[in-house]
Amino acid sequence: MDLNETAGWYGVIALLMAYGLVSFSLIQSNSVVYHLLNFTGALGIIAISLKRKNYQPVALNVIWGVIALIALARLVLRV
């Protein structure tokens, strides 16, 4: 398994973990962990999708990642 495949699987696991943890109230939706899982998960899916030239997931996850990054920055910087 190459690095892009590993990144893609990490992305799937991270996004599902973020959703599951919030859904079962194990973390809050305004936590750093939640936004980091969303941001890094999106990056993982972008990596594998670009390698496979599958651009719909790239578009979705670029937007997903930007939202997560903005939310994370607002949380950390208290903006």
N, C-alpha and C. Protein backbone atom coordinates (compact mmCIF):
# COMPACT_ATOMS: atom_id res chain seq x y z
N MET A 1 0.85 -1.17 0.00
CA MET A 1 0.00 0.00 0.00
C MET A 1 0.90 1.24 0.00
N ASP A 2 0.64 2.17 -0.92
CA ASP A 2 1.48 3.36 -0.99
C ASP A 2 0.95 4.46 -0.07
N LEU A 3 1.68 5.56 0.00
CA LEU A 3 1.36 6.65 0.91
C LEU A 3 0.00 7.27 0.61
N ASN A 4 -0.35 7.42 -0.67
CA ASN A 4 -1.65 7.99 -1.02
C ASN A 4 -2.79 7.09 -0.58
N GLU A 5 -2.64 5.79 -0.73
CA GLU A 5 -3.67 4.85 -0.26
C GLU A 5 -3.83 4.95 1.25
N THR A 6 -2.72 5.00 1.95
CA THR A 6 -2.76 5.12 3.41
C THR A 6 -3.45 6.43 3.81
N ALA A 7 -3.11 7.52 3.12
CA ALA A 7 -3.74 8.81 3.40
C ALA A 7 -5.24 8.75 3.14
N GLY A 8 -5.64 8.09 2.07
CA GLY A 8 -7.06 7.96 1.75
C GLY A 8 -7.81 7.20 2.82
N TRP A 9 -7.24 6.09 3.28
CA TRP A 9 -7.89 5.32 4.34
C TRP A 9 -7.92 6.10 5.65
N TYR A 10 -6.83 6.81 5.94
CA TYR A 10 -6.84 7.66 7.12
C TYR A 10 -7.98 8.68 7.02
N GLY A 11 -8.13 9.29 5.85
CA GLY A 11 -9.18 10.29 5.65
C GLY A 11 -10.57 9.74 5.93
N VAL A 12 -10.85 8.57 5.41
CA VAL A 12 -12.15 7.94 5.65
C VAL A 12 -12.36 7.69 7.14
N ILE A 13 -11.36 7.12 7.78
CA ILE A 13 -11.47 6.80 9.21
C ILE A 13 -11.61 8.07 10.04
N ALA A 14 -10.82 9.11 9.72
CA ALA A 14 -10.86 10.35 10.49
C ALA A 14 -12.23 11.02 10.39
N LEU A 15 -12.78 11.10 9.17
CA LEU A 15 -14.08 11.75 9.01
C LEU A 15 -15.19 10.96 9.70
N LEU A 16 -15.15 9.65 9.57
CA LEU A 16 -16.17 8.83 10.25
C LEU A 16 -16.01 8.90 11.77
N MET A 17 -14.77 8.94 12.24
CA MET A 17 -14.53 9.05 13.67
C MET A 17 -15.05 10.38 14.20
N ALA A 18 -14.78 11.47 13.49
CA ALA A 18 -15.28 12.78 13.91
C ALA A 18 -16.80 12.77 14.01
N TYR A 19 -17.45 12.25 12.99
CA TYR A 19 -18.91 12.19 12.97
C TYR A 19 -19.44 11.30 14.09
N GLY A 20 -18.84 10.16 14.27
CA GLY A 20 -19.28 9.23 15.32
C GLY A 20 -19.08 9.79 16.71
N LEU A 21 -17.92 10.38 16.96
CA LEU A 21 -17.64 10.93 18.29
C LEU A 21 -18.61 12.06 18.65
N VAL A 22 -18.93 12.91 17.70
CA VAL A 22 -19.90 13.98 17.96
C VAL A 22 -21.30 13.42 18.08
N SER A 23 -21.65 12.48 17.24
CA SER A 23 -23.00 11.91 17.26
C SER A 23 -23.32 11.22 18.58
N PHE A 24 -22.31 10.61 19.20
CA PHE A 24 -22.52 9.91 20.47
C PHE A 24 -22.07 10.75 21.67
N SER A 25 -21.92 12.05 21.43
CA SER A 25 -21.58 13.03 22.48
C SER A 25 -20.30 12.68 23.24
N LEU A 26 -19.34 12.09 22.55
CA LEU A 26 -18.05 11.79 23.17
C LEU A 26 -17.10 12.98 23.07
N ILE A 27 -17.31 13.83 22.09
CA ILE A 27 -16.61 15.11 21.97
C ILE A 27 -17.63 16.15 21.53
N GLN A 28 -17.28 17.40 21.69
CA GLN A 28 -18.16 18.50 21.28
C GLN A 28 -17.82 18.93 19.85
N SER A 29 -18.81 19.45 19.16
CA SER A 29 -18.59 19.90 17.78
C SER A 29 -17.71 21.15 17.71
N ASN A 30 -17.45 21.78 18.83
CA ASN A 30 -16.57 22.95 18.83
C ASN A 30 -15.20 22.62 19.44
N SER A 31 -14.83 21.33 19.42
CA SER A 31 -13.53 20.94 19.98
C SER A 31 -12.44 20.94 18.90
N VAL A 32 -11.22 21.15 19.35
CA VAL A 32 -10.07 21.12 18.45
C VAL A 32 -9.96 19.74 17.80
N VAL A 33 -10.18 18.68 18.56
CA VAL A 33 -10.08 17.32 18.03
C VAL A 33 -11.04 17.12 16.87
N TYR A 34 -12.27 17.56 17.03
CA TYR A 34 -13.28 17.41 15.97
C TYR A 34 -12.83 18.09 14.68
N HIS A 35 -12.38 19.33 14.79
CA HIS A 35 -11.98 20.07 13.59
C HIS A 35 -10.69 19.54 12.99
N LEU A 36 -9.77 19.07 13.83
CA LEU A 36 -8.55 18.46 13.30
C LEU A 36 -8.85 17.16 12.54
N LEU A 37 -9.75 16.35 13.08
CA LEU A 37 -10.14 15.12 12.39
C LEU A 37 -10.77 15.44 11.04
N ASN A 38 -11.64 16.45 11.01
CA ASN A 38 -12.27 16.84 9.75
C ASN A 38 -11.27 17.38 8.75
N PHE A 39 -10.37 18.25 9.21
CA PHE A 39 -9.39 18.85 8.31
C PHE A 39 -8.41 17.81 7.76
N THR A 40 -7.82 17.03 8.66
CA THR A 40 -6.84 16.04 8.20
C THR A 40 -7.50 14.92 7.40
N GLY A 41 -8.72 14.58 7.77
CA GLY A 41 -9.46 13.57 7.00
C GLY A 41 -9.71 14.03 5.58
N ALA A 42 -10.11 15.29 5.45
CA ALA A 42 -10.33 15.85 4.11
C ALA A 42 -9.05 15.82 3.29
N LEU A 43 -7.92 16.16 3.92
CA LEU A 43 -6.64 16.13 3.20
C LEU A 43 -6.31 14.72 2.70
N GLY A 44 -6.59 13.72 3.54
CA GLY A 44 -6.33 12.34 3.13
C GLY A 44 -7.14 11.92 1.92
N ILE A 45 -8.40 12.29 1.91
CA ILE A 45 -9.27 11.93 0.78
C ILE A 45 -8.87 12.72 -0.46
N ILE A 46 -8.44 13.97 -0.28
CA ILE A 46 -7.96 14.76 -1.42
C ILE A 46 -6.75 14.07 -2.04
N ALA A 47 -5.82 13.60 -1.23
CA ALA A 47 -4.60 12.97 -1.75
C ALA A 47 -4.90 11.77 -2.64
N ILE A 48 -5.74 10.86 -2.15
CA ILE A 48 -6.02 9.67 -2.96
C ILE A 48 -6.89 10.00 -4.17
N SER A 49 -7.79 10.95 -4.01
CA SER A 49 -8.67 11.32 -5.13
C SER A 49 -7.90 11.98 -6.25
N LEU A 50 -6.92 12.82 -5.90
CA LEU A 50 -6.09 13.43 -6.94
C LEU A 50 -5.28 12.37 -7.68
N LYS A 51 -4.72 11.43 -6.93
CA LYS A 51 -3.93 10.37 -7.56
C LYS A 51 -4.78 9.58 -8.56
N ARG A 52 -6.02 9.33 -8.21
CA ARG A 52 -6.92 8.55 -9.07
C ARG A 52 -7.65 9.41 -10.10
N LYS A 53 -7.38 10.72 -10.09
CA LYS A 53 -8.03 11.66 -11.00
C LYS A 53 -9.56 11.60 -10.87
N ASN A 54 -9.99 11.53 -9.62
CA ASN A 54 -11.42 11.49 -9.29
C ASN A 54 -11.73 12.83 -8.62
N TYR A 55 -12.22 13.78 -9.42
CA TYR A 55 -12.24 15.17 -8.98
C TYR A 55 -13.47 15.57 -8.16
N GLN A 56 -14.54 14.81 -8.19
CA GLN A 56 -15.70 15.16 -7.35
C GLN A 56 -15.34 15.10 -5.86
N PRO A 57 -14.69 14.02 -5.38
CA PRO A 57 -14.30 14.02 -3.97
C PRO A 57 -13.27 15.10 -3.64
N VAL A 58 -12.45 15.48 -4.61
CA VAL A 58 -11.49 16.55 -4.38
C VAL A 58 -12.24 17.85 -4.10
N ALA A 59 -13.21 18.18 -4.95
CA ALA A 59 -13.98 19.41 -4.77
C ALA A 59 -14.70 19.42 -3.42
N LEU A 60 -15.37 18.32 -3.10
CA LEU A 60 -16.08 18.22 -1.84
C LEU A 60 -15.14 18.40 -0.65
N ASN A 61 -14.01 17.72 -0.67
CA ASN A 61 -13.11 17.74 0.47
C ASN A 61 -12.26 18.99 0.57
N VAL A 62 -12.05 19.70 -0.53
CA VAL A 62 -11.41 21.01 -0.44
C VAL A 62 -12.33 21.95 0.34
N ILE A 63 -13.61 21.95 0.00
CA ILE A 63 -14.57 22.78 0.72
C ILE A 63 -14.68 22.33 2.17
N TRP A 64 -14.78 21.02 2.39
CA TRP A 64 -14.87 20.46 3.75
C TRP A 64 -13.65 20.88 4.58
N GLY A 65 -12.49 20.77 3.98
CA GLY A 65 -11.25 21.12 4.67
C GLY A 65 -11.14 22.60 4.97
N VAL A 66 -11.57 23.44 4.04
CA VAL A 66 -11.54 24.89 4.27
C VAL A 66 -12.47 25.25 5.42
N ILE A 67 -13.67 24.67 5.43
CA ILE A 67 -14.61 24.93 6.53
C ILE A 67 -13.98 24.50 7.86
N ALA A 68 -13.40 23.32 7.89
CA ALA A 68 -12.78 22.82 9.12
C ALA A 68 -11.62 23.71 9.55
N LEU A 69 -10.82 24.15 8.60
CA LEU A 69 -9.67 25.00 8.92
C LEU A 69 -10.12 26.36 9.46
N ILE A 70 -11.14 26.94 8.87
CA ILE A 70 -11.67 28.22 9.36
C ILE A 70 -12.23 28.04 10.77
N ALA A 71 -13.00 26.98 10.97
CA ALA A 71 -13.57 26.71 12.30
C ALA A 71 -12.47 26.49 13.33
N LEU A 72 -11.44 25.77 12.94
CA LEU A 72 -10.31 25.51 13.85
C LEU A 72 -9.57 26.81 14.18
N ALA A 73 -9.34 27.64 13.18
CA ALA A 73 -8.67 28.92 13.40
C ALA A 73 -9.49 29.81 14.32
N ARG A 74 -10.79 29.85 14.10
CA ARG A 74 -11.66 30.66 14.96
C ARG A 74 -11.65 30.16 16.39
N LEU A 75 -11.60 28.84 16.53
CA LEU A 75 -11.59 28.25 17.87
C LEU A 75 -10.28 28.54 18.59
N VAL A 76 -9.18 28.36 17.89
CA VAL A 76 -7.87 28.54 18.50
C VAL A 76 -7.57 30.02 18.74
N LEU A 77 -7.93 30.86 17.78
CA LEU A 77 -7.64 32.28 17.89
C LEU A 77 -8.75 33.05 18.62
N ARG A 78 -9.84 32.37 18.91
CA ARG A 78 -11.01 32.96 19.59
C ARG A 78 -11.52 34.19 18.85
N VAL A 79 -11.65 34.06 17.52
CA VAL A 79 -12.15 35.15 16.68
C VAL A 79 -13.66 35.07 16.58
